[in-house]
Amino acid sequence: MALGFGRKGTGRPGEWFYCIKHHKVEEGPECPAKDRLGPYASREEAGHALETAAERNREWKNDPRWQDDAPADGQT
């Protein structure tokens, strides 16, 4: 058996995820981990996974610690 191929990802009942492949909220390990966002504490939080991800992306994009315009020699 090839390790890691065709296996579902991690997750437990009571943990909520959003499957980006099927565009649905799921509890526990239904779809492979590569296709899920989460875990979230509730079904409602998982239902807002795409909005949460977009908000975090905006925050990280504007965070000066993640900017590529720092000097190449590592000095600030």
C-alpha atoms as a PDB file:
ATOM      1  CA  MET A   1       0.000   0.000   0.000  1.00  0.00           C
ATOM      2  CA  ALA A   2       1.380   3.416  -0.956  1.00  0.00           C
ATOM      3  CA  LEU A   3       1.538   5.707   2.032  1.00  0.00           C
ATOM      4  CA  GLY A   4      -0.454   8.913   1.859  1.00  0.00           C
ATOM      5  CA  PHE A   5      -2.254   8.210  -1.407  1.00  0.00           C
ATOM      6  CA  GLY A   6      -6.020   7.816  -1.366  1.00  0.00           C
ATOM      7  CA  ARG A   7      -6.182   8.366   2.384  1.00  0.00           C
ATOM      8  CA  LYS A   8      -8.499  10.805   4.028  1.00  0.00           C
ATOM      9  CA  GLY A   9      -6.998  13.558   6.126  1.00  0.00           C
ATOM     10  CA  THR A  10      -7.042  14.043   9.825  1.00  0.00           C
ATOM     11  CA  GLY A  11     -10.052  15.172  11.769  1.00  0.00           C
ATOM     12  CA  ARG A  12     -12.396  13.985  14.469  1.00  0.00           C
ATOM     13  CA  PRO A  13     -16.139  14.068  14.989  1.00  0.00           C
ATOM     14  CA  GLY A  14     -17.018  17.366  16.675  1.00  0.00           C
ATOM     15  CA  GLU A  15     -14.505  19.269  14.542  1.00  0.00           C
ATOM     16  CA  TRP A  16     -15.970  21.270  11.674  1.00  0.00           C
ATOM     17  CA  PHE A  17     -14.361  21.865   8.296  1.00  0.00           C
ATOM     18  CA  TYR A  18     -15.165  23.547   5.002  1.00  0.00           C
ATOM     19  CA  CYS A  19     -14.500  21.426   1.917  1.00  0.00           C
ATOM     20  CA  ILE A  20     -13.218  23.665  -0.874  1.00  0.00           C
ATOM     21  CA  LYS A  21     -13.732  20.903  -3.442  1.00  0.00           C
ATOM     22  CA  HIS A  22     -17.420  20.274  -2.701  1.00  0.00           C
ATOM     23  CA  HIS A  23     -18.205  23.749  -1.278  1.00  0.00           C
ATOM     24  CA  LYS A  24     -19.815  22.371   1.862  1.00  0.00           C
ATOM     25  CA  VAL A  25     -19.438  22.243   5.623  1.00  0.00           C
ATOM     26  CA  GLU A  26     -18.583  18.846   7.047  1.00  0.00           C
ATOM     27  CA  GLU A  27     -18.027  17.342  10.472  1.00  0.00           C
ATOM     28  CA  GLY A  28     -14.959  15.234  11.096  1.00  0.00           C
ATOM     29  CA  PRO A  29     -12.889  13.548   8.395  1.00  0.00           C
ATOM     30  CA  GLU A  30     -15.128  13.337   5.342  1.00  0.00           C
ATOM     31  CA  CYS A  31     -12.893  14.743   2.582  1.00  0.00           C
ATOM     32  CA  PRO A  32      -9.084  14.610   2.368  1.00  0.00           C
ATOM     33  CA  ALA A  33      -7.221  17.241   4.387  1.00  0.00           C
ATOM     34  CA  LYS A  34      -5.836  18.804   1.186  1.00  0.00           C
ATOM     35  CA  ASP A  35      -9.398  19.862   0.289  1.00  0.00           C
ATOM     36  CA  ARG A  36     -10.432  21.285   3.668  1.00  0.00           C
ATOM     37  CA  LEU A  37     -10.157  24.466   5.682  1.00  0.00           C
ATOM     38  CA  GLY A  38     -10.320  24.101   9.447  1.00  0.00           C
ATOM     39  CA  PRO A  39     -10.888  22.775  11.974  1.00  0.00           C
ATOM     40  CA  TYR A  40     -13.426  25.245  13.293  1.00  0.00           C
ATOM     41  CA  ALA A  41     -15.239  25.172  16.621  1.00  0.00           C
ATOM     42  CA  SER A  42     -18.727  25.199  15.111  1.00  0.00           C
ATOM     43  CA  ARG A  43     -20.699  24.533  11.938  1.00  0.00           C
ATOM     44  CA  GLU A  44     -21.367  28.276  11.649  1.00  0.00           C
ATOM     45  CA  GLU A  45     -17.647  29.166  11.807  1.00  0.00           C
ATOM     46  CA  ALA A  46     -16.880  26.553   9.144  1.00  0.00           C
ATOM     47  CA  GLY A  47     -19.625  28.025   6.977  1.00  0.00           C
ATOM     48  CA  HIS A  48     -17.729  31.331   6.972  1.00  0.00           C
ATOM     49  CA  ALA A  49     -14.360  29.730   6.187  1.00  0.00           C
ATOM     50  CA  LEU A  50     -13.898  31.464   2.834  1.00  0.00           C
ATOM     51  CA  GLU A  51     -14.682  34.884   4.332  1.00  0.00           C
ATOM     52  CA  THR A  52     -12.302  34.182   7.232  1.00  0.00           C
ATOM     53  CA  ALA A  53      -9.546  33.168   4.825  1.00  0.00           C
ATOM     54  CA  ALA A  54     -10.075  36.284   2.688  1.00  0.00           C
ATOM     55  CA  GLU A  55      -9.965  38.511   5.778  1.00  0.00           C
ATOM     56  CA  ARG A  56      -6.746  36.878   6.997  1.00  0.00           C
ATOM     57  CA  ASN A  57      -5.200  37.220   3.539  1.00  0.00           C
ATOM     58  CA  ARG A  58      -5.979  40.966   3.574  1.00  0.00           C
ATOM     59  CA  GLU A  59      -4.435  41.304   7.042  1.00  0.00           C
ATOM     60  CA  TRP A  60      -1.282  39.408   6.047  1.00  0.00           C
ATOM     61  CA  LYS A  61      -0.969  41.345   2.801  1.00  0.00           C
ATOM     62  CA  ASN A  62      -0.879  44.587   4.793  1.00  0.00           C
ATOM     63  CA  ASP A  63       1.365  43.282   7.591  1.00  0.00           C
ATOM     64  CA  PRO A  64       4.827  44.863   7.228  1.00  0.00           C
ATOM     65  CA  ARG A  65       6.454  41.678   8.558  1.00  0.00           C
ATOM     66  CA  TRP A  66       5.340  39.879   5.370  1.00  0.00           C
ATOM     67  CA  GLN A  67       6.535  42.470   2.871  1.00  0.00           C
ATOM     68  CA  ASP A  68       9.257  41.570   0.386  1.00  0.00           C
ATOM     69  CA  ASP A  69      10.711  45.069   0.264  1.00  0.00           C
ATOM     70  CA  ALA A  70      13.087  44.519   3.218  1.00  0.00           C
ATOM     71  CA  PRO A  71      16.807  45.071   2.477  1.00  0.00           C
ATOM     72  CA  ALA A  72      18.536  42.018   1.004  1.00  0.00           C
ATOM     73  CA  ASP A  73      21.268  42.108   3.678  1.00  0.00           C
ATOM     74  CA  GLY A  74      18.672  41.446   6.402  1.00  0.00           C
ATOM     75  CA  GLN A  75      19.096  44.831   8.090  1.00  0.00           C
ATOM     76  CA  THR A  76      16.095  47.000   8.791  1.00  0.00           C
END
